[in-house]
Amino acid sequence: MFSVETIAANAAGDAAPEAARHLIDRFFFAPGLSALPQALQGPVFLAYIEHGRLSIHALQRAIAAQGGRCAEDGVIGPLTLRAARNCLMGDPAPFLDRLQMELSAIGADAERQAGA
């Protein structure tokens, strides 16, 4: 599992450390990803850097697929947070697999649209 700092540093590449800090502030703290359970922060943050709120929509679709209840509105609010925590209770593997599938689908959709 990657830390948020590692993800930001990799995304910033050879840019100054301030660029990594900017990524964390803008793409992690601003949309509320820091409130997510730690197991979800890395994958959603990584997707958020590239795809913005679509990554939160993907999280919310994964929650719904596990029977959780939250709106697919692209906003990390109390219902999304509660439902995400509930999905991680017990065996979190099916939920984490579904989340990865939903996040991967965003990238595949973006590639298809770019090629069109």
C-alpha atoms as a PDB file:
ATOM      1  CA  MET A   1       0.000   0.000   0.000  1.00  0.00           C
ATOM      2  CA  PHE A   2       1.354   3.409  -0.950  1.00  0.00           C
ATOM      3  CA  SER A   3       1.181   6.437   1.264  1.00  0.00           C
ATOM      4  CA  VAL A   4      -0.426   9.625   0.055  1.00  0.00           C
ATOM      5  CA  GLU A   5       2.985  11.293   0.186  1.00  0.00           C
ATOM      6  CA  THR A   6       4.533   8.591  -2.025  1.00  0.00           C
ATOM      7  CA  ILE A   7       1.702   8.828  -4.544  1.00  0.00           C
ATOM      8  CA  ALA A   8       2.019  12.623  -4.693  1.00  0.00           C
ATOM      9  CA  ALA A   9       5.815  12.474  -5.040  1.00  0.00           C
ATOM     10  CA  ASN A  10       5.539   9.946  -7.884  1.00  0.00           C
ATOM     11  CA  ALA A  11       2.869  12.042  -9.618  1.00  0.00           C
ATOM     12  CA  ALA A  12       4.934  15.224  -9.233  1.00  0.00           C
ATOM     13  CA  GLY A  13       7.979  13.483 -10.703  1.00  0.00           C
ATOM     14  CA  ASP A  14      11.038  15.698 -10.947  1.00  0.00           C
ATOM     15  CA  ALA A  15       9.066  18.793  -9.983  1.00  0.00           C
ATOM     16  CA  ALA A  16       9.875  20.600  -6.765  1.00  0.00           C
ATOM     17  CA  PRO A  17       8.599  19.149  -3.484  1.00  0.00           C
ATOM     18  CA  GLU A  18       6.110  22.014  -3.456  1.00  0.00           C
ATOM     19  CA  ALA A  19       4.392  20.349  -6.416  1.00  0.00           C
ATOM     20  CA  ALA A  20       3.801  17.189  -4.380  1.00  0.00           C
ATOM     21  CA  ARG A  21       2.457  19.283  -1.505  1.00  0.00           C
ATOM     22  CA  HIS A  22       0.129  21.055  -3.956  1.00  0.00           C
ATOM     23  CA  LEU A  23      -1.173  17.696  -5.217  1.00  0.00           C
ATOM     24  CA  ILE A  24      -1.903  16.579  -1.659  1.00  0.00           C
ATOM     25  CA  ASP A  25      -3.658  19.826  -0.776  1.00  0.00           C
ATOM     26  CA  ARG A  26      -5.695  20.056  -3.977  1.00  0.00           C
ATOM     27  CA  PHE A  27      -6.457  16.414  -4.726  1.00  0.00           C
ATOM     28  CA  PHE A  28      -6.494  14.820  -1.260  1.00  0.00           C
ATOM     29  CA  PHE A  29      -7.560  17.314   1.375  1.00  0.00           C
ATOM     30  CA  ALA A  30      -9.792  19.614  -0.704  1.00  0.00           C
ATOM     31  CA  PRO A  31     -12.208  16.903  -1.934  1.00  0.00           C
ATOM     32  CA  GLY A  32     -12.308  15.224   1.489  1.00  0.00           C
ATOM     33  CA  LEU A  33     -10.366  12.074   0.654  1.00  0.00           C
ATOM     34  CA  SER A  34      -8.511  12.416   3.955  1.00  0.00           C
ATOM     35  CA  ALA A  35     -11.755  11.505   5.755  1.00  0.00           C
ATOM     36  CA  LEU A  36     -11.944   8.118   3.992  1.00  0.00           C
ATOM     37  CA  PRO A  37     -10.775   5.008   5.809  1.00  0.00           C
ATOM     38  CA  GLN A  38      -7.038   4.587   5.266  1.00  0.00           C
ATOM     39  CA  ALA A  39      -7.474   1.473   3.102  1.00  0.00           C
ATOM     40  CA  LEU A  40      -9.361   3.594   0.541  1.00  0.00           C
ATOM     41  CA  GLN A  41      -7.268   6.752   0.588  1.00  0.00           C
ATOM     42  CA  GLY A  42      -4.421   5.606  -1.675  1.00  0.00           C
ATOM     43  CA  PRO A  43      -6.407   4.081  -4.526  1.00  0.00           C
ATOM     44  CA  VAL A  44      -9.011   6.858  -4.615  1.00  0.00           C
ATOM     45  CA  PHE A  45      -6.331   9.584  -4.364  1.00  0.00           C
ATOM     46  CA  LEU A  46      -4.337   8.086  -7.217  1.00  0.00           C
ATOM     47  CA  ALA A  47      -7.443   7.973  -9.396  1.00  0.00           C
ATOM     48  CA  TYR A  48      -8.493  11.463  -8.286  1.00  0.00           C
ATOM     49  CA  ILE A  49      -5.205  12.959  -9.523  1.00  0.00           C
ATOM     50  CA  GLU A  50      -5.984  11.722 -13.027  1.00  0.00           C
ATOM     51  CA  HIS A  51      -9.778  11.667 -13.164  1.00  0.00           C
ATOM     52  CA  GLY A  52     -11.061  14.066 -10.514  1.00  0.00           C
ATOM     53  CA  ARG A  53     -14.524  13.488  -9.089  1.00  0.00           C
ATOM     54  CA  LEU A  54     -15.056  10.469 -11.314  1.00  0.00           C
ATOM     55  CA  SER A  55     -12.946   8.571  -8.769  1.00  0.00           C
ATOM     56  CA  ILE A  56     -15.457   9.431  -6.041  1.00  0.00           C
ATOM     57  CA  HIS A  57     -18.297   8.320  -8.320  1.00  0.00           C
ATOM     58  CA  ALA A  58     -16.408   5.021  -8.766  1.00  0.00           C
ATOM     59  CA  LEU A  59     -16.102   4.659  -4.983  1.00  0.00           C
ATOM     60  CA  GLN A  60     -19.817   5.291  -4.607  1.00  0.00           C
ATOM     61  CA  ARG A  61     -20.639   2.709  -7.312  1.00  0.00           C
ATOM     62  CA  ALA A  62     -18.452   0.167  -5.497  1.00  0.00           C
ATOM     63  CA  ILE A  63     -20.296   0.945  -2.262  1.00  0.00           C
ATOM     64  CA  ALA A  64     -23.658   0.467  -3.983  1.00  0.00           C
ATOM     65  CA  ALA A  65     -22.495  -2.823  -5.501  1.00  0.00           C
ATOM     66  CA  GLN A  66     -21.782  -4.066  -1.968  1.00  0.00           C
ATOM     67  CA  GLY A  67     -25.272  -3.073  -0.840  1.00  0.00           C
ATOM     68  CA  GLY A  68     -24.213   0.201   0.745  1.00  0.00           C
ATOM     69  CA  ARG A  69     -26.404   3.255   0.556  1.00  0.00           C
ATOM     70  CA  CYS A  70     -25.079   6.605  -0.608  1.00  0.00           C
ATOM     71  CA  ALA A  71     -25.790   8.918  -3.489  1.00  0.00           C
ATOM     72  CA  GLU A  72     -23.533   8.716  -6.519  1.00  0.00           C
ATOM     73  CA  ASP A  73     -22.937  12.451  -6.458  1.00  0.00           C
ATOM     74  CA  GLY A  74     -19.138  12.629  -6.492  1.00  0.00           C
ATOM     75  CA  VAL A  75     -19.051  14.169  -3.020  1.00  0.00           C
ATOM     76  CA  ILE A  76     -17.475  12.633   0.079  1.00  0.00           C
ATOM     77  CA  GLY A  77     -20.153  13.307   2.652  1.00  0.00           C
ATOM     78  CA  PRO A  78     -21.301  11.611   5.840  1.00  0.00           C
ATOM     79  CA  LEU A  79     -23.354   8.952   4.038  1.00  0.00           C
ATOM     80  CA  THR A  80     -20.469   7.993   1.753  1.00  0.00           C
ATOM     81  CA  LEU A  81     -18.074   7.851   4.701  1.00  0.00           C
ATOM     82  CA  ARG A  82     -20.407   5.702   6.792  1.00  0.00           C
ATOM     83  CA  ALA A  83     -21.160   3.369   3.895  1.00  0.00           C
ATOM     84  CA  ALA A  84     -17.453   3.043   3.026  1.00  0.00           C
ATOM     85  CA  ARG A  85     -16.603   2.124   6.627  1.00  0.00           C
ATOM     86  CA  ASN A  86     -19.414  -0.442   6.645  1.00  0.00           C
ATOM     87  CA  CYS A  87     -18.138  -2.009   3.414  1.00  0.00           C
ATOM     88  CA  LEU A  88     -14.731  -2.530   5.019  1.00  0.00           C
ATOM     89  CA  MET A  89     -16.148  -4.390   8.019  1.00  0.00           C
ATOM     90  CA  GLY A  90     -15.743  -8.151   8.041  1.00  0.00           C
ATOM     91  CA  ASP A  91     -13.930  -9.293   4.919  1.00  0.00           C
ATOM     92  CA  PRO A  92     -13.021  -6.128   2.966  1.00  0.00           C
ATOM     93  CA  ALA A  93     -11.540  -8.029  -0.004  1.00  0.00           C
ATOM     94  CA  PRO A  94     -14.713  -8.151  -2.156  1.00  0.00           C
ATOM     95  CA  PHE A  95     -15.295  -4.429  -1.674  1.00  0.00           C
ATOM     96  CA  LEU A  96     -11.660  -3.524  -2.407  1.00  0.00           C
ATOM     97  CA  ASP A  97     -11.756  -5.707  -5.522  1.00  0.00           C
ATOM     98  CA  ARG A  98     -14.939  -3.998  -6.700  1.00  0.00           C
ATOM     99  CA  LEU A  99     -13.442  -0.567  -6.002  1.00  0.00           C
ATOM    100  CA  GLN A 100     -10.375  -1.436  -8.058  1.00  0.00           C
ATOM    101  CA  MET A 101     -12.608  -2.616 -10.886  1.00  0.00           C
ATOM    102  CA  GLU A 102     -14.609   0.638 -10.803  1.00  0.00           C
ATOM    103  CA  LEU A 103     -11.447   2.771 -10.693  1.00  0.00           C
ATOM    104  CA  SER A 104      -9.922   0.816 -13.585  1.00  0.00           C
ATOM    105  CA  ALA A 105     -13.085   1.347 -15.604  1.00  0.00           C
ATOM    106  CA  ILE A 106     -12.581   5.117 -15.361  1.00  0.00           C
ATOM    107  CA  GLY A 107      -9.162   4.797 -16.977  1.00  0.00           C
ATOM    108  CA  ALA A 108     -10.476   2.491 -19.690  1.00  0.00           C
ATOM    109  CA  ASP A 109     -13.305   4.922 -20.465  1.00  0.00           C
ATOM    110  CA  ALA A 110     -10.851   7.833 -20.649  1.00  0.00           C
ATOM    111  CA  GLU A 111      -8.600   5.896 -23.040  1.00  0.00           C
ATOM    112  CA  ARG A 112     -11.564   5.006 -25.265  1.00  0.00           C
ATOM    113  CA  GLN A 113     -12.686   8.628 -25.382  1.00  0.00           C
ATOM    114  CA  ALA A 114      -9.183   9.857 -26.134  1.00  0.00           C
ATOM    115  CA  GLY A 115      -8.911   7.407 -29.032  1.00  0.00           C
ATOM    116  CA  ALA A 116     -12.292   8.409 -30.473  1.00  0.00           C
END
